[in-house]
Amino acid sequence: MNERRQGQIDVLQRLRAAIGEETQKEWADKHGISPQYLSHVLSGRTDPGPKILAALGLKRVVVYQRGEAA
């Protein structure tokens, strides 16, 4: 499994844990996002944006690495 995919899985696990006993609608309302957007993130259809990441104490970091010549 590549690092990006593992990172996505980790974020989704944190998100599910953060939602806990709340409904998705309650959690979404509390953090200023739509329940539909939260549902899309939880299903893996959409990457989590800044509001979700901030609620989890995370931020997105992009890393570029040198690849092999084409």
PDB file of N, CA and C in Angstrom:
ATOM      1  N   MET A   1       0.854  -1.184   0.000  1.00  0.00           N
ATOM      2  CA  MET A   1       0.000   0.000   0.000  1.00  0.00           C
ATOM      3  C   MET A   1       0.893   1.238   0.000  1.00  0.00           C
ATOM      4  N   ASN A   2       0.576   2.214  -0.851  1.00  0.00           N
ATOM      5  CA  ASN A   2       1.433   3.395  -0.909  1.00  0.00           C
ATOM      6  C   ASN A   2       1.152   4.339   0.258  1.00  0.00           C
ATOM      7  N   GLU A   3       2.085   5.263   0.488  1.00  0.00           N
ATOM      8  CA  GLU A   3       1.986   6.165   1.629  1.00  0.00           C
ATOM      9  C   GLU A   3       0.752   7.055   1.575  1.00  0.00           C
ATOM     10  N   ARG A   4       0.384   7.509   0.376  1.00  0.00           N
ATOM     11  CA  ARG A   4      -0.783   8.387   0.242  1.00  0.00           C
ATOM     12  C   ARG A   4      -2.045   7.649   0.681  1.00  0.00           C
ATOM     13  N   ARG A   5      -2.200   6.430   0.208  1.00  0.00           N
ATOM     14  CA  ARG A   5      -3.385   5.632   0.564  1.00  0.00           C
ATOM     15  C   ARG A   5      -3.417   5.356   2.063  1.00  0.00           C
ATOM     16  N   GLN A   6      -2.267   5.024   2.641  1.00  0.00           N
ATOM     17  CA  GLN A   6      -2.210   4.771   4.080  1.00  0.00           C
ATOM     18  C   GLN A   6      -2.575   6.030   4.855  1.00  0.00           C
ATOM     19  N   GLY A   7      -2.127   7.189   4.368  1.00  0.00           N
ATOM     20  CA  GLY A   7      -2.471   8.456   5.009  1.00  0.00           C
ATOM     21  C   GLY A   7      -3.969   8.711   4.972  1.00  0.00           C
ATOM     22  N   GLN A   8      -4.607   8.396   3.841  1.00  0.00           N
ATOM     23  CA  GLN A   8      -6.056   8.566   3.717  1.00  0.00           C
ATOM     24  C   GLN A   8      -6.789   7.659   4.706  1.00  0.00           C
ATOM     25  N   ILE A   9      -6.324   6.429   4.832  1.00  0.00           N
ATOM     26  CA  ILE A   9      -6.950   5.489   5.765  1.00  0.00           C
ATOM     27  C   ILE A   9      -6.813   5.992   7.191  1.00  0.00           C
ATOM     28  N   ASP A  10      -5.638   6.506   7.542  1.00  0.00           N
ATOM     29  CA  ASP A  10      -5.417   7.042   8.885  1.00  0.00           C
ATOM     30  C   ASP A  10      -6.352   8.208   9.181  1.00  0.00           C
ATOM     31  N   VAL A  11      -6.528   9.098   8.217  1.00  0.00           N
ATOM     32  CA  VAL A  11      -7.415  10.250   8.406  1.00  0.00           C
ATOM     33  C   VAL A  11      -8.851   9.769   8.589  1.00  0.00           C
ATOM     34  N   LEU A  12      -9.292   8.817   7.785  1.00  0.00           N
ATOM     35  CA  LEU A  12     -10.655   8.306   7.912  1.00  0.00           C
ATOM     36  C   LEU A  12     -10.871   7.624   9.255  1.00  0.00           C
ATOM     37  N   GLN A  13      -9.881   6.903   9.741  1.00  0.00           N
ATOM     38  CA  GLN A  13     -10.005   6.276  11.063  1.00  0.00           C
ATOM     39  C   GLN A  13     -10.121   7.338  12.151  1.00  0.00           C
ATOM     40  N   ARG A  14      -9.309   8.381  12.052  1.00  0.00           N
ATOM     41  CA  ARG A  14      -9.394   9.482  13.025  1.00  0.00           C
ATOM     42  C   ARG A  14     -10.747  10.170  12.957  1.00  0.00           C
ATOM     43  N   LEU A  15     -11.242  10.368  11.739  1.00  0.00           N
ATOM     44  CA  LEU A  15     -12.521  11.032  11.549  1.00  0.00           C
ATOM     45  C   LEU A  15     -13.649  10.213  12.160  1.00  0.00           C
ATOM     46  N   ARG A  16     -13.665   8.926  11.886  1.00  0.00           N
ATOM     47  CA  ARG A  16     -14.710   8.065  12.460  1.00  0.00           C
ATOM     48  C   ARG A  16     -14.650   8.070  13.988  1.00  0.00           C
ATOM     49  N   ALA A  17     -13.444   8.056  14.527  1.00  0.00           N
ATOM     50  CA  ALA A  17     -13.293   8.101  15.986  1.00  0.00           C
ATOM     51  C   ALA A  17     -13.773   9.442  16.538  1.00  0.00           C
ATOM     52  N   ALA A  18     -13.491  10.532  15.819  1.00  0.00           N
ATOM     53  CA  ALA A  18     -13.907  11.866  16.279  1.00  0.00           C
ATOM     54  C   ALA A  18     -15.421  12.005  16.265  1.00  0.00           C
ATOM     55  N   ILE A  19     -16.066  11.406  15.273  1.00  0.00           N
ATOM     56  CA  ILE A  19     -17.524  11.471  15.198  1.00  0.00           C
ATOM     57  C   ILE A  19     -18.127  10.697  16.368  1.00  0.00           C
ATOM     58  N   GLY A  20     -17.536   9.563  16.680  1.00  0.00           N
ATOM     59  CA  GLY A  20     -17.932   8.786  17.848  1.00  0.00           C
ATOM     60  C   GLY A  20     -19.416   8.508  17.919  1.00  0.00           C
ATOM     61  N   GLU A  21     -20.034   8.954  18.996  1.00  0.00           N
ATOM     62  CA  GLU A  21     -21.450   8.699  19.250  1.00  0.00           C
ATOM     63  C   GLU A  21     -22.367   9.727  18.591  1.00  0.00           C
ATOM     64  N   GLU A  22     -21.789  10.804  18.058  1.00  0.00           N
ATOM     65  CA  GLU A  22     -22.610  11.815  17.391  1.00  0.00           C
ATOM     66  C   GLU A  22     -23.112  11.279  16.052  1.00  0.00           C
ATOM     67  N   THR A  23     -24.184  11.868  15.563  1.00  0.00           N
ATOM     68  CA  THR A  23     -24.596  11.557  14.198  1.00  0.00           C
ATOM     69  C   THR A  23     -23.672  12.330  13.254  1.00  0.00           C
ATOM     70  N   GLN A  24     -23.618  11.895  12.019  1.00  0.00           N
ATOM     71  CA  GLN A  24     -22.812  12.616  11.039  1.00  0.00           C
ATOM     72  C   GLN A  24     -23.320  14.042  10.875  1.00  0.00           C
ATOM     73  N   LYS A  25     -24.632  14.226  10.936  1.00  0.00           N
ATOM     74  CA  LYS A  25     -25.206  15.568  10.810  1.00  0.00           C
ATOM     75  C   LYS A  25     -24.782  16.452  11.975  1.00  0.00           C
ATOM     76  N   GLU A  26     -24.813  15.927  13.186  1.00  0.00           N
ATOM     77  CA  GLU A  26     -24.396  16.713  14.350  1.00  0.00           C
ATOM     78  C   GLU A  26     -22.936  17.134  14.226  1.00  0.00           C
ATOM     79  N   TRP A  27     -22.089  16.193  13.843  1.00  0.00           N
ATOM     80  CA  TRP A  27     -20.668  16.494  13.730  1.00  0.00           C
ATOM     81  C   TRP A  27     -20.418  17.507  12.620  1.00  0.00           C
ATOM     82  N   ALA A  28     -21.080  17.321  11.494  1.00  0.00           N
ATOM     83  CA  ALA A  28     -20.917  18.237  10.357  1.00  0.00           C
ATOM     84  C   ALA A  28     -21.380  19.642  10.740  1.00  0.00           C
ATOM     85  N   ASP A  29     -22.541  19.755  11.360  1.00  0.00           N
ATOM     86  CA  ASP A  29     -23.046  21.071  11.770  1.00  0.00           C
ATOM     87  C   ASP A  29     -22.090  21.754  12.736  1.00  0.00           C
ATOM     88  N   LYS A  30     -21.559  20.997  13.672  1.00  0.00           N
ATOM     89  CA  LYS A  30     -20.641  21.554  14.673  1.00  0.00           C
ATOM     90  C   LYS A  30     -19.365  22.109  14.028  1.00  0.00           C
ATOM     91  N   HIS A  31     -18.968  21.531  12.895  1.00  0.00           N
ATOM     92  CA  HIS A  31     -17.710  21.932  12.258  1.00  0.00           C
ATOM     93  C   HIS A  31     -17.911  22.740  10.976  1.00  0.00           C
ATOM     94  N   GLY A  32     -19.150  23.152  10.717  1.00  0.00           N
ATOM     95  CA  GLY A  32     -19.418  24.056   9.605  1.00  0.00           C
ATOM     96  C   GLY A  32     -19.298  23.440   8.224  1.00  0.00           C
ATOM     97  N   ILE A  33     -19.610  22.164   8.117  1.00  0.00           N
ATOM     98  CA  ILE A  33     -19.601  21.512   6.815  1.00  0.00           C
ATOM     99  C   ILE A  33     -20.951  20.840   6.601  1.00  0.00           C
ATOM    100  N   SER A  34     -21.233  20.473   5.366  1.00  0.00           N
ATOM    101  CA  SER A  34     -22.521  19.834   5.092  1.00  0.00           C
ATOM    102  C   SER A  34     -22.431  18.341   5.413  1.00  0.00           C
ATOM    103  N   PRO A  35     -23.543  17.769   5.851  1.00  0.00           N
ATOM    104  CA  PRO A  35     -23.562  16.321   6.088  1.00  0.00           C
ATOM    105  C   PRO A  35     -23.251  15.523   4.816  1.00  0.00           C
ATOM    106  N   GLN A  36     -23.669  16.046   3.669  1.00  0.00           N
ATOM    107  CA  GLN A  36     -23.389  15.361   2.408  1.00  0.00           C
ATOM    108  C   GLN A  36     -21.892  15.307   2.130  1.00  0.00           C
ATOM    109  N   TYR A  37     -21.206  16.431   2.367  1.00  0.00           N
ATOM    110  CA  TYR A  37     -19.766  16.476   2.164  1.00  0.00           C
ATOM    111  C   TYR A  37     -19.072  15.497   3.114  1.00  0.00           C
ATOM    112  N   LEU A  38     -19.486  15.480   4.364  1.00  0.00           N
ATOM    113  CA  LEU A  38     -18.902  14.553   5.335  1.00  0.00           C
ATOM    114  C   LEU A  38     -19.113  13.112   4.882  1.00  0.00           C
ATOM    115  N   SER A  39     -20.289  12.814   4.387  1.00  0.00           N
ATOM    116  CA  SER A  39     -20.586  11.474   3.894  1.00  0.00           C
ATOM    117  C   SER A  39     -19.675  11.103   2.728  1.00  0.00           C
ATOM    118  N   HIS A  40     -19.428  12.039   1.834  1.00  0.00           N
ATOM    119  CA  HIS A  40     -18.544  11.790   0.690  1.00  0.00           C
ATOM    120  C   HIS A  40     -17.116  11.531   1.159  1.00  0.00           C
ATOM    121  N   VAL A  41     -16.673  12.263   2.164  1.00  0.00           N
ATOM    122  CA  VAL A  41     -15.325  12.045   2.699  1.00  0.00           C
ATOM    123  C   VAL A  41     -15.241  10.664   3.343  1.00  0.00           C
ATOM    124  N   LEU A  42     -16.243  10.323   4.156  1.00  0.00           N
ATOM    125  CA  LEU A  42     -16.230   9.032   4.847  1.00  0.00           C
ATOM    126  C   LEU A  42     -16.280   7.854   3.883  1.00  0.00           C
ATOM    127  N   SER A  43     -16.907   8.046   2.737  1.00  0.00           N
ATOM    128  CA  SER A  43     -16.989   6.963   1.755  1.00  0.00           C
ATOM    129  C   SER A  43     -15.779   6.933   0.828  1.00  0.00           C
ATOM    130  N   GLY A  44     -14.875   7.913   0.957  1.00  0.00           N
ATOM    131  CA  GLY A  44     -13.671   7.941   0.130  1.00  0.00           C
ATOM    132  C   GLY A  44     -13.856   8.587  -1.226  1.00  0.00           C
ATOM    133  N   ARG A  45     -15.032   9.173  -1.479  1.00  0.00           N
ATOM    134  CA  ARG A  45     -15.281   9.812  -2.773  1.00  0.00           C
ATOM    135  C   ARG A  45     -14.639  11.192  -2.872  1.00  0.00           C
ATOM    136  N   THR A  46     -14.392  11.818  -1.716  1.00  0.00           N
ATOM    137  CA  THR A  46     -13.828  13.167  -1.671  1.00  0.00           C
ATOM    138  C   THR A  46     -12.733  13.194  -0.616  1.00  0.00           C
ATOM    139  N   ASP A  47     -11.648  13.900  -0.902  1.00  0.00           N
ATOM    140  CA  ASP A  47     -10.601  14.077   0.104  1.00  0.00           C
ATOM    141  C   ASP A  47     -11.071  15.055   1.170  1.00  0.00           C
ATOM    142  N   PRO A  48     -10.629  14.874   2.413  1.00  0.00           N
ATOM    143  CA  PRO A  48     -11.012  15.813   3.465  1.00  0.00           C
ATOM    144  C   PRO A  48     -10.366  17.175   3.225  1.00  0.00           C
ATOM    145  N   GLY A  49     -11.145  18.216   3.411  1.00  0.00           N
ATOM    146  CA  GLY A  49     -10.660  19.580   3.230  1.00  0.00           C
ATOM    147  C   GLY A  49     -10.164  20.177   4.529  1.00  0.00           C
ATOM    148  N   PRO A  50      -9.827  21.463   4.482  1.00  0.00           N
ATOM    149  CA  PRO A  50      -9.222  22.136   5.626  1.00  0.00           C
ATOM    150  C   PRO A  50     -10.065  22.113   6.906  1.00  0.00           C
ATOM    151  N   LYS A  51     -11.376  22.238   6.808  1.00  0.00           N
ATOM    152  CA  LYS A  51     -12.207  22.254   8.020  1.00  0.00           C
ATOM    153  C   LYS A  51     -12.187  20.898   8.722  1.00  0.00           C
ATOM    154  N   ILE A  52     -12.279  19.839   7.959  1.00  0.00           N
ATOM    155  CA  ILE A  52     -12.232  18.512   8.567  1.00  0.00           C
ATOM    156  C   ILE A  52     -10.853  18.246   9.148  1.00  0.00           C
ATOM    157  N   LEU A  53      -9.815  18.565   8.392  1.00  0.00           N
ATOM    158  CA  LEU A  53      -8.454  18.343   8.879  1.00  0.00           C
ATOM    159  C   LEU A  53      -8.190  19.156  10.146  1.00  0.00           C
ATOM    160  N   ALA A  54      -8.636  20.407  10.174  1.00  0.00           N
ATOM    161  CA  ALA A  54      -8.439  21.247  11.361  1.00  0.00           C
ATOM    162  C   ALA A  54      -9.167  20.662  12.565  1.00  0.00           C
ATOM    163  N   ALA A  55     -10.370  20.150  12.348  1.00  0.00           N
ATOM    164  CA  ALA A  55     -11.136  19.547  13.442  1.00  0.00           C
ATOM    165  C   ALA A  55     -10.413  18.326  14.016  1.00  0.00           C
ATOM    166  N   LEU A  56      -9.595  17.692  13.195  1.00  0.00           N
ATOM    167  CA  LEU A  56      -8.838  16.519  13.630  1.00  0.00           C
ATOM    168  C   LEU A  56      -7.434  16.878  14.104  1.00  0.00           C
ATOM    169  N   GLY A  57      -7.096  18.169  14.056  1.00  0.00           N
ATOM    170  CA  GLY A  57      -5.758  18.608  14.451  1.00  0.00           C
ATOM    171  C   GLY A  57      -4.706  18.250  13.419  1.00  0.00           C
ATOM    172  N   LEU A  58      -5.121  18.167  12.157  1.00  0.00           N
ATOM    173  CA  LEU A  58      -4.212  17.795  11.074  1.00  0.00           C
ATOM    174  C   LEU A  58      -4.132  18.900  10.037  1.00  0.00           C
ATOM    175  N   LYS A  59      -3.136  18.801   9.167  1.00  0.00           N
ATOM    176  CA  LYS A  59      -3.052  19.677   8.006  1.00  0.00           C
ATOM    177  C   LYS A  59      -2.491  18.856   6.859  1.00  0.00           C
ATOM    178  N   ARG A  60      -2.808  19.282   5.647  1.00  0.00           N
ATOM    179  CA  ARG A  60      -2.324  18.587   4.458  1.00  0.00           C
ATOM    180  C   ARG A  60      -0.907  19.071   4.160  1.00  0.00           C
ATOM    181  N   VAL A  61      -0.030  18.118   3.874  1.00  0.00           N
ATOM    182  CA  VAL A  61       1.347  18.423   3.500  1.00  0.00           C
ATOM    183  C   VAL A  61       1.623  17.696   2.185  1.00  0.00           C
ATOM    184  N   VAL A  62       2.097  18.427   1.195  1.00  0.00           N
ATOM    185  CA  VAL A  62       2.424  17.841  -0.097  1.00  0.00           C
ATOM    186  C   VAL A  62       3.938  17.720  -0.201  1.00  0.00           C
ATOM    187  N   VAL A  63       4.405  16.560  -0.596  1.00  0.00           N
ATOM    188  CA  VAL A  63       5.832  16.323  -0.722  1.00  0.00           C
ATOM    189  C   VAL A  63       6.122  15.878  -2.161  1.00  0.00           C
ATOM    190  N   TYR A  64       7.089  16.494  -2.772  1.00  0.00           N
ATOM    191  CA  TYR A  64       7.534  16.091  -4.105  1.00  0.00           C
ATOM    192  C   TYR A  64       8.867  15.384  -3.971  1.00  0.00           C
ATOM    193  N   GLN A  65       8.984  14.262  -4.664  1.00  0.00           N
ATOM    194  CA  GLN A  65      10.219  13.509  -4.624  1.00  0.00           C
ATOM    195  C   GLN A  65      10.746  13.330  -6.039  1.00  0.00           C
ATOM    196  N   ARG A  66      12.026  13.275  -6.153  1.00  0.00           N
ATOM    197  CA  ARG A  66      12.639  13.062  -7.453  1.00  0.00           C
ATOM    198  C   ARG A  66      12.292  11.654  -7.931  1.00  0.00           C
ATOM    199  N   GLY A  67      11.819  11.566  -9.144  1.00  0.00           N
ATOM    200  CA  GLY A  67      11.477  10.274  -9.734  1.00  0.00           C
ATOM    201  C   GLY A  67      12.525   9.864 -10.737  1.00  0.00           C
ATOM    202  N   GLU A  68      12.287   8.744 -11.326  1.00  0.00           N
ATOM    203  CA  GLU A  68      13.200   8.253 -12.357  1.00  0.00           C
ATOM    204  C   GLU A  68      12.944   9.031 -13.637  1.00  0.00           C
ATOM    205  N   ALA A  69      13.989   9.192 -14.425  1.00  0.00           N
ATOM    206  CA  ALA A  69      13.849   9.893 -15.719  1.00  0.00           C
ATOM    207  C   ALA A  69      12.963   9.076 -16.637  1.00  0.00           C
ATOM    208  N   ALA A  70      12.142   9.787 -17.405  1.00  0.00           N
ATOM    209  CA  ALA A  70      11.221   9.096 -18.328  1.00  0.00           C
ATOM    210  C   ALA A  70      11.929   8.514 -19.509  1.00  0.00           C
TER     211      ALA A  70
END
